[in-house]
């Protein structure tokens, strides 16, 4: 995954409280510890956006 300059990774889940934030933040921390730049955005989008 680290061979290209720009990588975008999105983690989604079907249900609330499925551990998306935990997995995302842990993965971001591991990548940051390997001296890579990380932008971590955690957002809960409203359901009406997808209607």
PDB file of N, CA and C in Angstrom:
ATOM      1  N   UNK A   1       0.813  -1.199   0.000  1.00  0.00           N
ATOM      2  CA  UNK A   1       0.000   0.000   0.000  1.00  0.00           C
ATOM      3  C   UNK A   1       0.854   1.260   0.000  1.00  0.00           C
ATOM      4  N   UNK A   2       2.066   1.195   0.445  1.00  0.00           N
ATOM      5  CA  UNK A   2       2.879   2.393   0.597  1.00  0.00           C
ATOM      6  C   UNK A   2       3.736   2.707  -0.635  1.00  0.00           C
ATOM      7  N   UNK A   3       3.554   1.994  -1.747  1.00  0.00           N
ATOM      8  CA  UNK A   3       4.386   2.231  -2.909  1.00  0.00           C
ATOM      9  C   UNK A   3       3.998   3.500  -3.665  1.00  0.00           C
ATOM     10  N   UNK A   4       2.715   3.853  -3.683  1.00  0.00           N
ATOM     11  CA  UNK A   4       2.268   5.038  -4.404  1.00  0.00           C
ATOM     12  C   UNK A   4       2.313   6.253  -3.489  1.00  0.00           C
ATOM     13  N   UNK A   5       2.223   7.431  -4.102  1.00  0.00           N
ATOM     14  CA  UNK A   5       2.318   8.660  -3.312  1.00  0.00           C
ATOM     15  C   UNK A   5       1.049   8.950  -2.520  1.00  0.00           C
ATOM     16  N   UNK A   6      -0.101   8.759  -3.132  1.00  0.00           N
ATOM     17  CA  UNK A   6      -1.369   9.082  -2.467  1.00  0.00           C
ATOM     18  C   UNK A   6      -2.224   7.833  -2.357  1.00  0.00           C
ATOM     19  N   UNK A   7      -2.594   7.501  -1.162  1.00  0.00           N
ATOM     20  CA  UNK A   7      -3.480   6.365  -0.913  1.00  0.00           C
ATOM     21  C   UNK A   7      -4.686   6.859  -0.135  1.00  0.00           C
ATOM     22  N   UNK A   8      -5.845   6.383  -0.516  1.00  0.00           N
ATOM     23  CA  UNK A   8      -7.068   6.711   0.205  1.00  0.00           C
ATOM     24  C   UNK A   8      -7.676   5.405   0.683  1.00  0.00           C
ATOM     25  N   UNK A   9      -7.977   5.363   1.957  1.00  0.00           N
ATOM     26  CA  UNK A   9      -8.565   4.168   2.551  1.00  0.00           C
ATOM     27  C   UNK A   9      -9.810   4.586   3.315  1.00  0.00           C
ATOM     28  N   UNK A  10     -10.934   3.956   3.014  1.00  0.00           N
ATOM     29  CA  UNK A  10     -12.177   4.264   3.708  1.00  0.00           C
ATOM     30  C   UNK A  10     -12.676   2.995   4.389  1.00  0.00           C
ATOM     31  N   UNK A  11     -13.014   3.121   5.651  1.00  0.00           N
ATOM     32  CA  UNK A  11     -13.525   1.983   6.409  1.00  0.00           C
ATOM     33  C   UNK A  11     -14.984   2.266   6.735  1.00  0.00           C
ATOM     34  N   UNK A  12     -15.857   1.349   6.341  1.00  0.00           N
ATOM     35  CA  UNK A  12     -17.286   1.516   6.590  1.00  0.00           C
ATOM     36  C   UNK A  12     -17.830   0.293   7.312  1.00  0.00           C
ATOM     37  N   UNK A  13     -19.022   0.442   7.826  1.00  0.00           N
ATOM     38  CA  UNK A  13     -19.681  -0.674   8.490  1.00  0.00           C
ATOM     39  C   UNK A  13     -21.184  -0.544   8.362  1.00  0.00           C
ATOM     40  N   UNK A  14     -21.873  -1.652   8.440  1.00  0.00           N
ATOM     41  CA  UNK A  14     -23.323  -1.655   8.245  1.00  0.00           C
ATOM     42  C   UNK A  14     -24.086  -1.184   9.473  1.00  0.00           C
ATOM     43  N   UNK A  15     -23.489  -1.306  10.643  1.00  0.00           N
ATOM     44  CA  UNK A  15     -24.206  -0.956  11.865  1.00  0.00           C
ATOM     45  C   UNK A  15     -23.395   0.036  12.691  1.00  0.00           C
ATOM     46  N   UNK A  16     -24.094   0.846  13.493  1.00  0.00           N
ATOM     47  CA  UNK A  16     -23.372   1.699  14.438  1.00  0.00           C
ATOM     48  C   UNK A  16     -22.663   0.824  15.472  1.00  0.00           C
ATOM     49  N   UNK A  17     -21.652   1.348  16.078  1.00  0.00           N
ATOM     50  CA  UNK A  17     -20.902   0.639  17.125  1.00  0.00           C
ATOM     51  C   UNK A  17     -20.300  -0.677  16.639  1.00  0.00           C
ATOM     52  N   UNK A  18     -19.893  -0.707  15.377  1.00  0.00           N
ATOM     53  CA  UNK A  18     -19.272  -1.935  14.859  1.00  0.00           C
ATOM     54  C   UNK A  18     -17.745  -1.879  14.936  1.00  0.00           C
ATOM     55  N   UNK A  19     -17.188  -0.814  15.529  1.00  0.00           N
ATOM     56  CA  UNK A  19     -15.750  -0.741  15.731  1.00  0.00           C
ATOM     57  C   UNK A  19     -14.982  -0.020  14.644  1.00  0.00           C
ATOM     58  N   UNK A  20     -15.680   0.757  13.822  1.00  0.00           N
ATOM     59  CA  UNK A  20     -15.018   1.459  12.716  1.00  0.00           C
ATOM     60  C   UNK A  20     -13.994   2.470  13.220  1.00  0.00           C
ATOM     61  N   UNK A  21     -14.351   3.240  14.228  1.00  0.00           N
ATOM     62  CA  UNK A  21     -13.432   4.245  14.756  1.00  0.00           C
ATOM     63  C   UNK A  21     -12.218   3.592  15.389  1.00  0.00           C
ATOM     64  N   UNK A  22     -12.415   2.522  16.125  1.00  0.00           N
ATOM     65  CA  UNK A  22     -11.298   1.822  16.757  1.00  0.00           C
ATOM     66  C   UNK A  22     -10.334   1.276  15.710  1.00  0.00           C
ATOM     67  N   UNK A  23     -10.867   0.599  14.714  1.00  0.00           N
ATOM     68  CA  UNK A  23     -10.021   0.024  13.662  1.00  0.00           C
ATOM     69  C   UNK A  23      -9.310   1.127  12.885  1.00  0.00           C
ATOM     70  N   UNK A  24     -10.040   2.178  12.534  1.00  0.00           N
ATOM     71  CA  UNK A  24      -9.461   3.276  11.757  1.00  0.00           C
ATOM     72  C   UNK A  24      -8.357   3.997  12.517  1.00  0.00           C
ATOM     73  N   UNK A  25      -8.602   4.306  13.786  1.00  0.00           N
ATOM     74  CA  UNK A  25      -7.599   5.033  14.561  1.00  0.00           C
ATOM     75  C   UNK A  25      -6.371   4.174  14.837  1.00  0.00           C
ATOM     76  N   UNK A  26      -6.576   2.888  15.068  1.00  0.00           N
ATOM     77  CA  UNK A  26      -5.441   1.988  15.277  1.00  0.00           C
ATOM     78  C   UNK A  26      -4.604   1.873  14.009  1.00  0.00           C
ATOM     79  N   UNK A  27      -5.261   1.718  12.871  1.00  0.00           N
ATOM     80  CA  UNK A  27      -4.550   1.641  11.595  1.00  0.00           C
ATOM     81  C   UNK A  27      -3.812   2.943  11.302  1.00  0.00           C
ATOM     82  N   UNK A  28      -4.441   4.081  11.570  1.00  0.00           N
ATOM     83  CA  UNK A  28      -3.791   5.375  11.359  1.00  0.00           C
ATOM     84  C   UNK A  28      -2.556   5.515  12.244  1.00  0.00           C
ATOM     85  N   UNK A  29      -2.643   5.061  13.481  1.00  0.00           N
ATOM     86  CA  UNK A  29      -1.495   5.136  14.390  1.00  0.00           C
ATOM     87  C   UNK A  29      -0.346   4.263  13.907  1.00  0.00           C
ATOM     88  N   UNK A  30      -0.653   3.073  13.428  1.00  0.00           N
ATOM     89  CA  UNK A  30       0.391   2.169  12.931  1.00  0.00           C
ATOM     90  C   UNK A  30       1.076   2.766  11.703  1.00  0.00           C
ATOM     91  N   UNK A  31       0.288   3.329  10.795  1.00  0.00           N
ATOM     92  CA  UNK A  31       0.870   3.943   9.595  1.00  0.00           C
ATOM     93  C   UNK A  31       1.715   5.155   9.975  1.00  0.00           C
ATOM     94  N   UNK A  32       1.232   5.971  10.919  1.00  0.00           N
ATOM     95  CA  UNK A  32       1.985   7.149  11.352  1.00  0.00           C
ATOM     96  C   UNK A  32       3.293   6.761  12.030  1.00  0.00           C
ATOM     97  N   UNK A  33       3.300   5.662  12.754  1.00  0.00           N
ATOM     98  CA  UNK A  33       4.528   5.211  13.415  1.00  0.00           C
ATOM     99  C   UNK A  33       5.577   4.737  12.419  1.00  0.00           C
ATOM    100  N   UNK A  34       5.152   4.441  11.197  1.00  0.00           N
ATOM    101  CA  UNK A  34       6.115   4.048  10.167  1.00  0.00           C
ATOM    102  C   UNK A  34       6.554   5.255   9.345  1.00  0.00           C
ATOM    103  N   UNK A  35       6.434   6.454   9.923  1.00  0.00           N
ATOM    104  CA  UNK A  35       6.878   7.721   9.326  1.00  0.00           C
ATOM    105  C   UNK A  35       6.146   8.078   8.039  1.00  0.00           C
ATOM    106  N   UNK A  36       4.898   7.674   7.925  1.00  0.00           N
ATOM    107  CA  UNK A  36       4.054   8.069   6.801  1.00  0.00           C
ATOM    108  C   UNK A  36       3.098   9.153   7.284  1.00  0.00           C
ATOM    109  N   UNK A  37       2.711  10.044   6.379  1.00  0.00           N
ATOM    110  CA  UNK A  37       1.733  11.069   6.724  1.00  0.00           C
ATOM    111  C   UNK A  37       0.342  10.451   6.745  1.00  0.00           C
ATOM    112  N   UNK A  38      -0.460  10.880   7.727  1.00  0.00           N
ATOM    113  CA  UNK A  38      -1.809  10.337   7.891  1.00  0.00           C
ATOM    114  C   UNK A  38      -2.778  11.484   8.123  1.00  0.00           C
ATOM    115  N   UNK A  39      -3.880  11.469   7.407  1.00  0.00           N
ATOM    116  CA  UNK A  39      -5.003  12.367   7.683  1.00  0.00           C
ATOM    117  C   UNK A  39      -6.172  11.476   8.068  1.00  0.00           C
ATOM    118  N   UNK A  40      -6.621  11.597   9.303  1.00  0.00           N
ATOM    119  CA  UNK A  40      -7.692  10.737   9.827  1.00  0.00           C
ATOM    120  C   UNK A  40      -8.941  11.580  10.015  1.00  0.00           C
ATOM    121  N   UNK A  41     -10.008  11.242   9.303  1.00  0.00           N
ATOM    122  CA  UNK A  41     -11.283  11.945   9.423  1.00  0.00           C
ATOM    123  C   UNK A  41     -12.330  10.937   9.870  1.00  0.00           C
ATOM    124  N   UNK A  42     -12.963  11.217  10.999  1.00  0.00           N
ATOM    125  CA  UNK A  42     -14.021  10.349  11.520  1.00  0.00           C
ATOM    126  C   UNK A  42     -15.317  11.146  11.468  1.00  0.00           C
ATOM    127  N   UNK A  43     -16.270  10.694  10.669  1.00  0.00           N
ATOM    128  CA  UNK A  43     -17.512  11.451  10.492  1.00  0.00           C
ATOM    129  C   UNK A  43     -18.707  10.513  10.523  1.00  0.00           C
ATOM    130  N   UNK A  44     -19.741  10.932  11.234  1.00  0.00           N
ATOM    131  CA  UNK A  44     -21.012  10.217  11.217  1.00  0.00           C
ATOM    132  C   UNK A  44     -21.957  11.011  10.321  1.00  0.00           C
ATOM    133  N   UNK A  45     -22.235  10.468   9.143  1.00  0.00           N
ATOM    134  CA  UNK A  45     -23.100  11.154   8.194  1.00  0.00           C
ATOM    135  C   UNK A  45     -24.560  10.878   8.532  1.00  0.00           C
ATOM    136  N   UNK A  46     -25.417  11.883   8.369  1.00  0.00           N
ATOM    137  CA  UNK A  46     -26.835  11.687   8.690  1.00  0.00           C
ATOM    138  C   UNK A  46     -27.497  10.730   7.697  1.00  0.00           C
ATOM    139  N   UNK A  47     -28.444   9.915   8.179  1.00  0.00           N
ATOM    140  CA  UNK A  47     -29.094   8.924   7.311  1.00  0.00           C
ATOM    141  C   UNK A  47     -29.850   9.541   6.134  1.00  0.00           C
ATOM    142  N   UNK A  48     -30.387  10.755   6.309  1.00  0.00           N
ATOM    143  CA  UNK A  48     -31.157  11.367   5.231  1.00  0.00           C
ATOM    144  C   UNK A  48     -30.289  11.680   4.018  1.00  0.00           C
ATOM    145  N   UNK A  49     -28.986  11.696   4.179  1.00  0.00           N
ATOM    146  CA  UNK A  49     -28.093  11.957   3.056  1.00  0.00           C
ATOM    147  C   UNK A  49     -28.168  10.841   2.023  1.00  0.00           C
ATOM    148  N   UNK A  50     -28.542   9.653   2.440  1.00  0.00           N
ATOM    149  CA  UNK A  50     -28.543   8.486   1.559  1.00  0.00           C
ATOM    150  C   UNK A  50     -29.943   8.079   1.107  1.00  0.00           C
ATOM    151  N   UNK A  51     -30.945   8.882   1.420  1.00  0.00           N
ATOM    152  CA  UNK A  51     -32.325   8.528   1.050  1.00  0.00           C
ATOM    153  C   UNK A  51     -32.603   8.813  -0.411  1.00  0.00           C
TER     154      UNK A  51
END
